[in-house]
Amino acid sequence: MYKAVIDSNTYIAILEPRHADELFALIDRSRESIGMWLSFPSFTNEVQDTRIFIEKSLKRFASSDGYWAGIWYKGQIAGSIGFLYIDWGNKKTEVGYWLGKEFEGLGLATKACALLIDHAFTDLGLHKVEIKMATKNEKSKAIPERLGFKREGMIRDFELLHGKYHDRVIYGLLEDEWKKTDQL
């Protein structure tokens, strides 16, 4: 199992099939808050959907094309974070993340992002990390801004959620910019 300790209360670990029940329960409890900005809660209707997601993520991990990890806080799964893909030719990736409603505001997503970003640059030798989210998702936008990312642009009407189109903002961080910060 891949596990990285963030602090005495928090770690991330690759999601495994044994985590499906706990992860699904978190998604189900936070369906409304997560679903405001992300589409996956609308098609995660039973534990088997979560199992299938985890199995696909493990296949991507095995083929070096990204992965998803759980974020654990005080022994409970608090959310998920991962590399959506790894573009080895251009040496870049995109980080995605979400937290259960009861775990928001604790700095968990920021800490987990910092860990993954450092892994991308230090261990994987990537050149760029991107993070994208709905332009109106202020809590999520604060994370890349806090970590020194630059706002690079916006994609209009990127995603249709609940009958309404959402624009998506793109943040980018280059390896040399990260090395100039003191995030970890």
C-alpha atoms as a PDB file:
ATOM      1  CA  MET A   1       0.000   0.000   0.000  1.00  0.00           C
ATOM      2  CA  TYR A   2       1.221   3.481  -0.884  1.00  0.00           C
ATOM      3  CA  LYS A   3       0.856   5.750   2.157  1.00  0.00           C
ATOM      4  CA  ALA A   4       2.265   9.214   2.797  1.00  0.00           C
ATOM      5  CA  VAL A   5       2.025  10.864   6.196  1.00  0.00           C
ATOM      6  CA  ILE A   6       1.089  14.553   6.189  1.00  0.00           C
ATOM      7  CA  ASP A   7       1.055  15.133   9.963  1.00  0.00           C
ATOM      8  CA  SER A   8       0.224  13.237  13.154  1.00  0.00           C
ATOM      9  CA  ASN A   9      -3.509  13.228  12.303  1.00  0.00           C
ATOM     10  CA  THR A  10      -3.481  13.069   8.508  1.00  0.00           C
ATOM     11  CA  TYR A  11      -2.205  10.847   5.724  1.00  0.00           C
ATOM     12  CA  ILE A  12      -3.039   9.901   2.171  1.00  0.00           C
ATOM     13  CA  ALA A  13      -3.045   6.359   0.811  1.00  0.00           C
ATOM     14  CA  ILE A  14      -3.899   4.772  -2.519  1.00  0.00           C
ATOM     15  CA  LEU A  15      -7.547   3.770  -2.570  1.00  0.00           C
ATOM     16  CA  GLU A  16      -8.050   0.011  -2.498  1.00  0.00           C
ATOM     17  CA  PRO A  17     -11.221  -2.089  -2.929  1.00  0.00           C
ATOM     18  CA  ARG A  18     -11.398  -2.553   0.861  1.00  0.00           C
ATOM     19  CA  HIS A  19     -12.049   1.218   1.179  1.00  0.00           C
ATOM     20  CA  ALA A  20     -15.164   1.176  -1.016  1.00  0.00           C
ATOM     21  CA  ASP A  21     -17.768   0.998   1.764  1.00  0.00           C
ATOM     22  CA  GLU A  22     -16.200   3.823   3.785  1.00  0.00           C
ATOM     23  CA  LEU A  23     -15.627   6.004   0.724  1.00  0.00           C
ATOM     24  CA  PHE A  24     -19.174   5.472  -0.545  1.00  0.00           C
ATOM     25  CA  ALA A  25     -20.607   6.368   2.885  1.00  0.00           C
ATOM     26  CA  LEU A  26     -18.624   9.639   2.846  1.00  0.00           C
ATOM     27  CA  ILE A  27     -19.823  10.461  -0.675  1.00  0.00           C
ATOM     28  CA  ASP A  28     -23.399   9.649   0.318  1.00  0.00           C
ATOM     29  CA  ARG A  29     -23.252  11.879   3.426  1.00  0.00           C
ATOM     30  CA  SER A  30     -21.742  14.745   1.405  1.00  0.00           C
ATOM     31  CA  ARG A  31     -23.640  14.216  -1.849  1.00  0.00           C
ATOM     32  CA  GLU A  32     -25.130  17.716  -1.889  1.00  0.00           C
ATOM     33  CA  SER A  33     -21.949  19.664  -1.075  1.00  0.00           C
ATOM     34  CA  ILE A  34     -19.727  17.642  -3.435  1.00  0.00           C
ATOM     35  CA  GLY A  35     -22.375  17.529  -6.159  1.00  0.00           C
ATOM     36  CA  MET A  36     -22.577  21.329  -6.285  1.00  0.00           C
ATOM     37  CA  TRP A  37     -19.242  21.354  -8.120  1.00  0.00           C
ATOM     38  CA  LEU A  38     -18.491  17.807  -9.289  1.00  0.00           C
ATOM     39  CA  SER A  39     -20.492  15.361 -11.385  1.00  0.00           C
ATOM     40  CA  PHE A  40     -19.434  12.021  -9.901  1.00  0.00           C
ATOM     41  CA  PRO A  41     -21.942  11.944  -6.985  1.00  0.00           C
ATOM     42  CA  SER A  42     -24.791  11.830  -9.506  1.00  0.00           C
ATOM     43  CA  PHE A  43     -23.540   8.490 -10.869  1.00  0.00           C
ATOM     44  CA  THR A  44     -22.226   7.051  -7.601  1.00  0.00           C
ATOM     45  CA  ASN A  45     -25.431   5.456  -6.403  1.00  0.00           C
ATOM     46  CA  GLU A  46     -24.235   2.311  -4.635  1.00  0.00           C
ATOM     47  CA  VAL A  47     -21.063   0.845  -3.122  1.00  0.00           C
ATOM     48  CA  GLN A  48     -20.403  -1.118  -6.329  1.00  0.00           C
ATOM     49  CA  ASP A  49     -20.030   2.187  -8.235  1.00  0.00           C
ATOM     50  CA  THR A  50     -17.293   3.180  -5.790  1.00  0.00           C
ATOM     51  CA  ARG A  51     -15.615  -0.238  -6.117  1.00  0.00           C
ATOM     52  CA  ILE A  52     -15.530   0.126  -9.901  1.00  0.00           C
ATOM     53  CA  PHE A  53     -14.012   3.615  -9.576  1.00  0.00           C
ATOM     54  CA  ILE A  54     -11.294   2.297  -7.240  1.00  0.00           C
ATOM     55  CA  GLU A  55     -10.499  -0.621  -9.561  1.00  0.00           C
ATOM     56  CA  LYS A  56     -10.152   1.777 -12.531  1.00  0.00           C
ATOM     57  CA  SER A  57      -7.902   4.014 -10.442  1.00  0.00           C
ATOM     58  CA  LEU A  58      -5.667   1.064  -9.522  1.00  0.00           C
ATOM     59  CA  LYS A  59      -5.333   0.140 -13.208  1.00  0.00           C
ATOM     60  CA  ARG A  60      -4.321   3.735 -13.995  1.00  0.00           C
ATOM     61  CA  PHE A  61      -1.807   3.610 -11.125  1.00  0.00           C
ATOM     62  CA  ALA A  62      -0.338   0.357 -12.488  1.00  0.00           C
ATOM     63  CA  SER A  63       0.045   1.915 -15.944  1.00  0.00           C
ATOM     64  CA  SER A  64       1.588   5.147 -14.561  1.00  0.00           C
ATOM     65  CA  ASP A  65      -1.338   7.245 -15.773  1.00  0.00           C
ATOM     66  CA  GLY A  66      -2.492   8.840 -12.532  1.00  0.00           C
ATOM     67  CA  TYR A  67      -4.341   7.545  -9.483  1.00  0.00           C
ATOM     68  CA  TRP A  68      -6.658   8.486  -6.642  1.00  0.00           C
ATOM     69  CA  ALA A  69      -5.777   8.329  -2.972  1.00  0.00           C
ATOM     70  CA  GLY A  70      -7.931   8.703   0.093  1.00  0.00           C
ATOM     71  CA  ILE A  71      -7.283  11.475   2.587  1.00  0.00           C
ATOM     72  CA  TRP A  72      -7.542  10.130   6.146  1.00  0.00           C
ATOM     73  CA  TYR A  73      -7.960  12.362   9.170  1.00  0.00           C
ATOM     74  CA  LYS A  74      -7.937  10.963  12.718  1.00  0.00           C
ATOM     75  CA  GLY A  75      -8.544   7.482  11.361  1.00  0.00           C
ATOM     76  CA  GLN A  76     -11.520   8.399   9.147  1.00  0.00           C
ATOM     77  CA  ILE A  77     -11.608   8.841   5.408  1.00  0.00           C
ATOM     78  CA  ALA A  78     -12.115  12.570   4.858  1.00  0.00           C
ATOM     79  CA  GLY A  79     -11.970  12.866   1.070  1.00  0.00           C
ATOM     80  CA  SER A  80      -9.959  11.981  -1.975  1.00  0.00           C
ATOM     81  CA  ILE A  81      -7.144  13.444  -4.027  1.00  0.00           C
ATOM     82  CA  GLY A  82      -5.330  12.303  -7.094  1.00  0.00           C
ATOM     83  CA  PHE A  83      -3.586  12.813 -10.383  1.00  0.00           C
ATOM     84  CA  LEU A  84      -6.311  12.796 -13.051  1.00  0.00           C
ATOM     85  CA  TYR A  85      -3.709  11.758 -15.627  1.00  0.00           C
ATOM     86  CA  ILE A  86       0.030  11.981 -16.153  1.00  0.00           C
ATOM     87  CA  ASP A  87       1.156  13.379 -19.493  1.00  0.00           C
ATOM     88  CA  TRP A  88       4.704  11.996 -19.585  1.00  0.00           C
ATOM     89  CA  GLY A  89       5.441  13.538 -22.999  1.00  0.00           C
ATOM     90  CA  ASN A  90       4.782  17.058 -21.734  1.00  0.00           C
ATOM     91  CA  LYS A  91       5.767  16.250 -18.131  1.00  0.00           C
ATOM     92  CA  LYS A  92       2.569  17.539 -16.566  1.00  0.00           C
ATOM     93  CA  THR A  93      -0.426  16.394 -14.561  1.00  0.00           C
ATOM     94  CA  GLU A  94      -3.672  17.685 -13.101  1.00  0.00           C
ATOM     95  CA  VAL A  95      -4.590  17.328  -9.433  1.00  0.00           C
ATOM     96  CA  GLY A  96      -8.202  16.819  -8.402  1.00  0.00           C
ATOM     97  CA  TYR A  97      -9.557  16.729  -4.858  1.00  0.00           C
ATOM     98  CA  TRP A  98     -12.703  16.807  -2.759  1.00  0.00           C
ATOM     99  CA  LEU A  99     -13.579  16.580   0.928  1.00  0.00           C
ATOM    100  CA  GLY A 100     -16.598  15.332   2.808  1.00  0.00           C
ATOM    101  CA  LYS A 101     -18.711  18.133   4.247  1.00  0.00           C
ATOM    102  CA  GLU A 102     -17.668  17.478   7.858  1.00  0.00           C
ATOM    103  CA  PHE A 103     -13.970  17.754   6.968  1.00  0.00           C
ATOM    104  CA  GLU A 104     -14.028  21.125   5.211  1.00  0.00           C
ATOM    105  CA  GLY A 105     -12.115  24.047   6.712  1.00  0.00           C
ATOM    106  CA  LEU A 106      -9.404  21.949   8.418  1.00  0.00           C
ATOM    107  CA  GLY A 107      -6.703  22.576   5.817  1.00  0.00           C
ATOM    108  CA  LEU A 108      -6.721  18.929   4.734  1.00  0.00           C
ATOM    109  CA  ALA A 109      -7.070  19.555   0.997  1.00  0.00           C
ATOM    110  CA  THR A 110      -4.304  22.169   1.027  1.00  0.00           C
ATOM    111  CA  LYS A 111      -1.922  19.869   2.908  1.00  0.00           C
ATOM    112  CA  ALA A 112      -2.755  16.892   0.681  1.00  0.00           C
ATOM    113  CA  CYS A 113      -2.304  19.028  -2.459  1.00  0.00           C
ATOM    114  CA  ALA A 114       1.082  20.242  -1.256  1.00  0.00           C
ATOM    115  CA  LEU A 115       2.168  16.646  -0.712  1.00  0.00           C
ATOM    116  CA  LEU A 116       1.024  15.530  -4.177  1.00  0.00           C
ATOM    117  CA  ILE A 117       2.591  18.570  -5.843  1.00  0.00           C
ATOM    118  CA  ASP A 118       5.911  17.889  -4.158  1.00  0.00           C
ATOM    119  CA  HIS A 119       5.657  14.232  -5.254  1.00  0.00           C
ATOM    120  CA  ALA A 120       4.947  15.315  -8.847  1.00  0.00           C
ATOM    121  CA  PHE A 121       8.014  17.531  -9.020  1.00  0.00           C
ATOM    122  CA  THR A 122      10.460  15.689  -6.759  1.00  0.00           C
ATOM    123  CA  ASP A 123       9.697  12.016  -7.361  1.00  0.00           C
ATOM    124  CA  LEU A 124       8.016  11.952 -10.780  1.00  0.00           C
ATOM    125  CA  GLY A 125      10.178  14.644 -12.384  1.00  0.00           C
ATOM    126  CA  LEU A 126       7.217  16.529 -13.845  1.00  0.00           C
ATOM    127  CA  HIS A 127       7.451  20.122 -15.032  1.00  0.00           C
ATOM    128  CA  LYS A 128       3.905  21.406 -14.467  1.00  0.00           C
ATOM    129  CA  VAL A 129       0.892  20.746 -12.251  1.00  0.00           C
ATOM    130  CA  GLU A 130      -2.562  22.079 -13.093  1.00  0.00           C
ATOM    131  CA  ILE A 131      -5.684  22.382 -10.969  1.00  0.00           C
ATOM    132  CA  LYS A 132      -9.065  23.229 -12.496  1.00  0.00           C
ATOM    133  CA  MET A 133     -12.399  23.969 -10.863  1.00  0.00           C
ATOM    134  CA  ALA A 134     -15.653  25.846 -11.309  1.00  0.00           C
ATOM    135  CA  THR A 135     -15.048  29.593 -11.225  1.00  0.00           C
ATOM    136  CA  LYS A 136     -17.652  30.054  -8.477  1.00  0.00           C
ATOM    137  CA  ASN A 137     -16.167  27.380  -6.201  1.00  0.00           C
ATOM    138  CA  GLU A 138     -14.406  29.854  -3.914  1.00  0.00           C
ATOM    139  CA  LYS A 139     -13.271  27.296  -1.310  1.00  0.00           C
ATOM    140  CA  SER A 140     -11.592  25.158  -3.937  1.00  0.00           C
ATOM    141  CA  LYS A 141     -10.017  28.144  -5.717  1.00  0.00           C
ATOM    142  CA  ALA A 142      -8.368  29.223  -2.453  1.00  0.00           C
ATOM    143  CA  ILE A 143      -6.206  26.086  -2.429  1.00  0.00           C
ATOM    144  CA  PRO A 144      -4.111  26.663  -5.572  1.00  0.00           C
ATOM    145  CA  GLU A 145      -3.973  30.370  -4.767  1.00  0.00           C
ATOM    146  CA  ARG A 146      -2.606  29.550  -1.302  1.00  0.00           C
ATOM    147  CA  LEU A 147      -0.033  27.180  -2.838  1.00  0.00           C
ATOM    148  CA  GLY A 148       1.414  29.713  -5.287  1.00  0.00           C
ATOM    149  CA  PHE A 149      -0.336  28.657  -8.506  1.00  0.00           C
ATOM    150  CA  LYS A 150      -0.919  31.194 -11.258  1.00  0.00           C
ATOM    151  CA  ARG A 151      -4.358  31.671 -12.758  1.00  0.00           C
ATOM    152  CA  GLU A 152      -3.888  30.798 -16.435  1.00  0.00           C
ATOM    153  CA  GLY A 153      -7.332  31.149 -17.888  1.00  0.00           C
ATOM    154  CA  MET A 154     -10.952  30.129 -17.971  1.00  0.00           C
ATOM    155  CA  ILE A 155     -12.987  27.713 -20.073  1.00  0.00           C
ATOM    156  CA  ARG A 156     -16.519  28.976 -20.617  1.00  0.00           C
ATOM    157  CA  ASP A 157     -19.486  26.621 -20.135  1.00  0.00           C
ATOM    158  CA  PHE A 158     -17.119  23.748 -19.366  1.00  0.00           C
ATOM    159  CA  GLU A 159     -19.575  21.510 -17.554  1.00  0.00           C
ATOM    160  CA  LEU A 160     -23.339  21.109 -17.269  1.00  0.00           C
ATOM    161  CA  LEU A 161     -24.365  20.344 -13.682  1.00  0.00           C
ATOM    162  CA  HIS A 162     -27.964  20.321 -12.501  1.00  0.00           C
ATOM    163  CA  GLY A 163     -29.168  22.018 -15.663  1.00  0.00           C
ATOM    164  CA  LYS A 164     -26.695  24.901 -15.429  1.00  0.00           C
ATOM    165  CA  TYR A 165     -23.374  25.454 -17.199  1.00  0.00           C
ATOM    166  CA  HIS A 166     -20.313  26.205 -15.105  1.00  0.00           C
ATOM    167  CA  ASP A 167     -17.175  27.959 -16.289  1.00  0.00           C
ATOM    168  CA  ARG A 168     -13.896  26.383 -15.211  1.00  0.00           C
ATOM    169  CA  VAL A 169     -10.775  28.259 -14.121  1.00  0.00           C
ATOM    170  CA  ILE A 170      -7.311  26.821 -14.790  1.00  0.00           C
ATOM    171  CA  TYR A 171      -4.410  27.243 -12.376  1.00  0.00           C
ATOM    172  CA  GLY A 172      -0.850  26.163 -13.177  1.00  0.00           C
ATOM    173  CA  LEU A 173       2.353  25.772 -11.219  1.00  0.00           C
ATOM    174  CA  LEU A 174       5.783  25.132 -12.717  1.00  0.00           C
ATOM    175  CA  GLU A 175       8.498  23.097 -11.035  1.00  0.00           C
ATOM    176  CA  ASP A 176      10.840  26.067 -10.514  1.00  0.00           C
ATOM    177  CA  GLU A 177       8.000  28.115  -8.979  1.00  0.00           C
ATOM    178  CA  TRP A 178       7.329  25.329  -6.469  1.00  0.00           C
ATOM    179  CA  LYS A 179      10.976  25.032  -5.508  1.00  0.00           C
ATOM    180  CA  LYS A 180      10.990  28.750  -4.640  1.00  0.00           C
ATOM    181  CA  THR A 181       8.196  28.242  -2.087  1.00  0.00           C
ATOM    182  CA  ASP A 182       8.408  26.647   1.341  1.00  0.00           C
ATOM    183  CA  GLN A 183       5.200  24.627   1.272  1.00  0.00           C
ATOM    184  CA  LEU A 184       6.339  21.383   2.910  1.00  0.00           C
END
